[in-house]
Amino acid sequence: MKAHLLTSGFTLIEMLVALVILAMLSTAGYRGLNAMIQTREHLATETRRWQHLSQFFARMEQDVAQAVRRPVRDREGKTIDTWIGHEAKGGEEDAELTFTRSGIPEPGSTQFSPQRIAYRYEHESIVLLHWKSLDLAPKSVAVRYPLLESVREFKLRYMDSVGNWYPQWPISNIGLDLPAATEVSVTLTSGEKITRIFALQ
């Protein structure tokens, strides 16, 4: 019998089939990796957003809890209420919520200096306004700090001592300096609505 020499190797068709399979596996792997990266980026974005929300509400809760009964005077010398909450805004320093809170000790003193602050909604953001002095000088200007972005709506309500809620404060003819609690509702541009209630001390 004659020995037949068998040549080993891939035919052209086998090479093409292997290349097609490799291309399909590479495409599937790329899509899977891309989906994983996009998911991770989405989760990171969501985490940052909820962290910012948590920080905003924590800050506001702390400020509201430290509200004090201390009226102030405006630039014309007129007395302004301790706590002012209303829906409409007028000037650049008007806000949905303005009040006096206890502050930090003055340099070299253990006494806490009250602060006048405000929470204002503008351009899809909530901004904190802070005045360096309670009684405003003619040229005093509020310092502005952005607190929360991507906000569609910022709403507040105020509860009196018997549990009634009001869209603005002070309430006419009642004479209460401070509400018993404040309800804060924030609607994000993505559609989520978060509501918190903060009690005043």
Protein backbone atom coordinates (compact mmCIF):
# COMPACT_ATOMS: atom_id res chain seq x y z
CA MET A 1 0.00 0.00 0.00
CA LYS A 2 1.14 3.41 -0.77
CA ALA A 3 1.30 5.86 2.10
CA HIS A 4 -0.76 8.90 1.43
CA LEU A 5 0.69 12.10 2.83
CA LEU A 6 -2.08 14.20 4.38
CA THR A 7 -1.48 17.93 4.43
CA SER A 8 -2.86 19.75 7.51
CA GLY A 9 -4.18 23.36 7.50
CA PHE A 10 -7.25 25.59 7.04
CA THR A 11 -9.00 26.05 3.79
CA LEU A 12 -10.04 29.51 2.62
CA ILE A 13 -13.64 28.88 3.60
CA GLU A 14 -12.62 27.76 7.10
CA MET A 15 -10.53 30.91 7.49
CA LEU A 16 -13.43 33.10 6.46
CA VAL A 17 -15.79 31.32 8.86
CA ALA A 18 -13.29 31.77 11.69
CA LEU A 19 -12.91 35.48 10.89
CA VAL A 20 -16.68 35.95 10.86
CA ILE A 21 -17.02 34.21 14.24
CA LEU A 22 -14.18 36.30 15.67
CA ALA A 23 -15.79 39.50 14.40
CA MET A 24 -19.13 38.52 15.96
CA LEU A 25 -17.49 37.73 19.29
CA SER A 26 -15.57 41.03 19.20
CA THR A 27 -18.75 42.98 18.44
CA ALA A 28 -20.65 41.25 21.23
CA GLY A 29 -17.78 41.88 23.64
CA TYR A 30 -17.58 45.57 22.68
CA ARG A 31 -21.32 46.02 23.11
CA GLY A 32 -21.25 44.33 26.49
CA LEU A 33 -18.31 46.45 27.64
CA ASN A 34 -19.92 49.63 26.33
CA ALA A 35 -23.19 48.81 28.10
CA MET A 36 -21.27 48.15 31.32
CA ILE A 37 -19.46 51.49 31.06
CA GLN A 38 -22.68 53.38 30.34
CA THR A 39 -24.39 51.68 33.30
CA ARG A 40 -21.52 52.59 35.58
CA GLU A 41 -21.58 56.22 34.41
CA HIS A 42 -25.36 56.37 34.89
CA LEU A 43 -25.06 54.96 38.42
CA ALA A 44 -22.28 57.43 39.24
CA THR A 45 -24.43 60.32 37.99
CA GLU A 46 -27.44 59.13 39.98
CA THR A 47 -25.30 58.70 43.08
CA ARG A 48 -23.93 62.25 42.79
CA ARG A 49 -27.41 63.65 42.27
CA TRP A 50 -28.83 61.97 45.37
CA GLN A 51 -25.77 62.97 47.38
CA HIS A 52 -26.36 66.60 46.41
CA LEU A 53 -30.03 66.26 47.36
CA SER A 54 -29.12 64.75 50.71
CA GLN A 55 -26.62 67.53 51.40
CA PHE A 56 -29.16 70.19 50.42
CA PHE A 57 -31.88 68.86 52.72
CA ALA A 58 -29.38 68.35 55.56
CA ARG A 59 -28.23 71.97 55.21
CA MET A 60 -31.77 73.30 55.09
CA GLU A 61 -32.88 71.20 58.05
CA GLN A 62 -29.97 72.54 60.10
CA ASP A 63 -30.75 76.14 59.15
CA VAL A 64 -34.47 75.81 59.89
CA ALA A 65 -33.82 74.12 63.24
CA GLN A 66 -31.66 77.09 64.29
CA ALA A 67 -34.18 79.81 63.39
CA VAL A 68 -34.40 82.53 66.04
CA ARG A 69 -36.89 85.29 66.80
CA ARG A 70 -34.92 88.29 65.61
CA PRO A 71 -36.56 90.85 63.30
CA VAL A 72 -34.25 92.96 61.16
CA ARG A 73 -34.30 96.34 59.47
CA ASP A 74 -34.14 96.83 55.72
CA ARG A 75 -32.06 99.46 53.93
CA GLU A 76 -34.76 102.07 54.56
CA GLY A 77 -34.89 101.36 58.29
CA LYS A 78 -38.20 99.50 58.21
CA THR A 79 -38.64 96.42 60.41
CA ILE A 80 -38.77 93.09 58.55
CA ASP A 81 -40.38 89.97 60.01
CA THR A 82 -38.24 87.25 61.54
CA TRP A 83 -39.53 84.64 59.07
CA ILE A 84 -40.79 85.49 55.58
CA GLY A 85 -42.15 82.81 53.26
CA HIS A 86 -44.05 83.57 50.07
CA GLU A 87 -44.49 82.29 46.54
CA ALA A 88 -43.76 85.32 44.37
CA LYS A 89 -40.37 87.01 44.10
CA GLY A 90 -39.71 90.64 43.37
CA GLY A 91 -36.17 91.97 43.54
CA GLU A 92 -32.85 90.19 43.14
CA GLU A 93 -32.62 89.54 46.89
CA ASP A 94 -36.21 88.45 47.39
CA ALA A 95 -36.66 84.72 47.99
CA GLU A 96 -39.18 81.97 48.71
CA LEU A 97 -37.90 81.78 52.28
CA THR A 98 -35.98 84.37 54.32
CA PHE A 99 -35.30 84.14 58.05
CA THR A 100 -32.87 84.76 60.89
CA ARG A 101 -30.89 81.88 62.33
CA SER A 102 -28.30 81.56 65.06
CA GLY A 103 -24.80 81.86 63.69
CA ILE A 104 -21.20 81.18 64.57
CA PRO A 105 -19.22 82.91 67.34
CA GLU A 106 -17.59 86.22 66.49
CA PRO A 107 -13.76 86.17 66.46
CA GLY A 108 -12.51 86.33 70.04
CA SER A 109 -15.98 85.79 71.48
CA THR A 110 -18.09 82.87 72.62
CA GLN A 111 -21.34 84.65 71.67
CA PHE A 112 -23.18 83.44 68.63
CA SER A 113 -23.95 86.12 66.08
CA PRO A 114 -27.35 85.66 64.35
CA GLN A 115 -27.37 85.50 60.57
CA ARG A 116 -29.93 86.53 57.97
CA ILE A 117 -30.24 83.97 55.19
CA ALA A 118 -32.63 83.11 52.36
CA TYR A 119 -33.43 80.23 50.03
CA ARG A 120 -34.21 81.41 46.49
CA TYR A 121 -35.16 79.52 43.32
CA GLU A 122 -33.68 80.86 40.09
CA HIS A 123 -32.65 79.42 36.72
CA GLU A 124 -33.46 75.80 37.70
CA SER A 125 -31.31 76.10 40.82
CA ILE A 126 -31.77 76.77 44.53
CA VAL A 127 -29.42 79.46 45.80
CA LEU A 128 -28.58 80.42 49.38
CA LEU A 129 -28.40 84.14 50.10
CA HIS A 130 -26.45 85.33 53.14
CA TRP A 131 -26.19 88.87 54.50
CA LYS A 132 -23.14 89.81 56.57
CA SER A 133 -25.23 91.92 58.95
CA LEU A 134 -28.80 91.56 60.18
CA ASP A 135 -29.78 95.21 59.83
CA LEU A 136 -29.00 96.07 56.23
CA ALA A 137 -26.77 98.98 55.37
CA PRO A 138 -27.71 101.06 52.30
CA LYS A 139 -25.11 99.36 50.08
CA SER A 140 -25.05 95.89 51.65
CA VAL A 141 -25.27 93.01 49.19
CA ALA A 142 -26.13 89.38 49.87
CA VAL A 143 -23.49 86.73 49.19
CA ARG A 144 -24.87 83.94 46.99
CA TYR A 145 -24.08 80.23 47.24
CA PRO A 146 -25.51 77.68 44.75
CA LEU A 147 -26.93 74.72 46.67
CA LEU A 148 -28.83 72.50 44.23
CA GLU A 149 -29.09 72.37 40.43
CA SER A 150 -31.50 70.76 37.94
CA VAL A 151 -34.58 71.87 39.90
CA ARG A 152 -37.91 72.40 38.14
CA GLU A 153 -39.94 73.59 41.12
CA PHE A 154 -39.29 74.71 44.70
CA LYS A 155 -42.34 74.93 46.98
CA LEU A 156 -42.74 75.54 50.71
CA ARG A 157 -45.58 75.45 53.24
CA TYR A 158 -45.69 76.51 56.87
CA MET A 159 -47.54 74.96 59.80
CA ASP A 160 -48.90 76.90 62.76
CA SER A 161 -48.99 75.68 66.36
CA VAL A 162 -52.29 73.79 65.90
CA GLY A 163 -51.33 71.93 62.72
CA ASN A 164 -52.80 74.15 59.99
CA TRP A 165 -50.73 74.60 56.83
CA TYR A 166 -50.30 77.89 54.98
CA PRO A 167 -48.63 78.75 51.64
CA GLN A 168 -47.04 81.88 53.09
CA TRP A 169 -45.75 83.32 56.37
CA PRO A 170 -46.38 85.34 58.49
CA ILE A 171 -50.11 84.78 58.72
CA SER A 172 -52.16 87.96 58.78
CA ASN A 173 -53.54 89.08 62.16
CA ILE A 174 -52.08 86.16 64.13
CA GLY A 175 -48.74 87.59 65.14
CA LEU A 176 -46.66 84.41 65.23
CA ASP A 177 -42.96 85.06 64.65
CA LEU A 178 -42.07 81.53 63.57
CA PRO A 179 -44.04 78.57 62.19
CA ALA A 180 -44.01 75.25 64.03
CA ALA A 181 -42.73 73.38 60.97
CA THR A 182 -41.86 73.86 57.33
CA GLU A 183 -42.65 71.54 54.43
CA VAL A 184 -40.13 71.66 51.57
CA SER A 185 -40.96 70.18 48.16
CA VAL A 186 -38.34 69.97 45.42
CA THR A 187 -39.21 68.74 41.93
CA LEU A 188 -36.21 67.90 39.77
CA THR A 189 -35.99 68.50 36.02
CA SER A 190 -35.97 64.71 35.63
CA GLY A 191 -39.45 64.55 37.22
CA GLU A 192 -38.77 63.21 40.72
CA LYS A 193 -40.46 65.08 43.58
CA ILE A 194 -38.97 64.95 47.06
CA THR A 195 -40.78 66.35 50.10
CA ARG A 196 -39.41 66.85 53.60
CA ILE A 197 -40.88 68.37 56.75
CA PHE A 198 -38.59 70.19 59.18
CA ALA A 199 -39.64 71.11 62.70
CA LEU A 200 -38.47 74.34 64.30
CA GLN A 201 -37.05 74.25 67.79
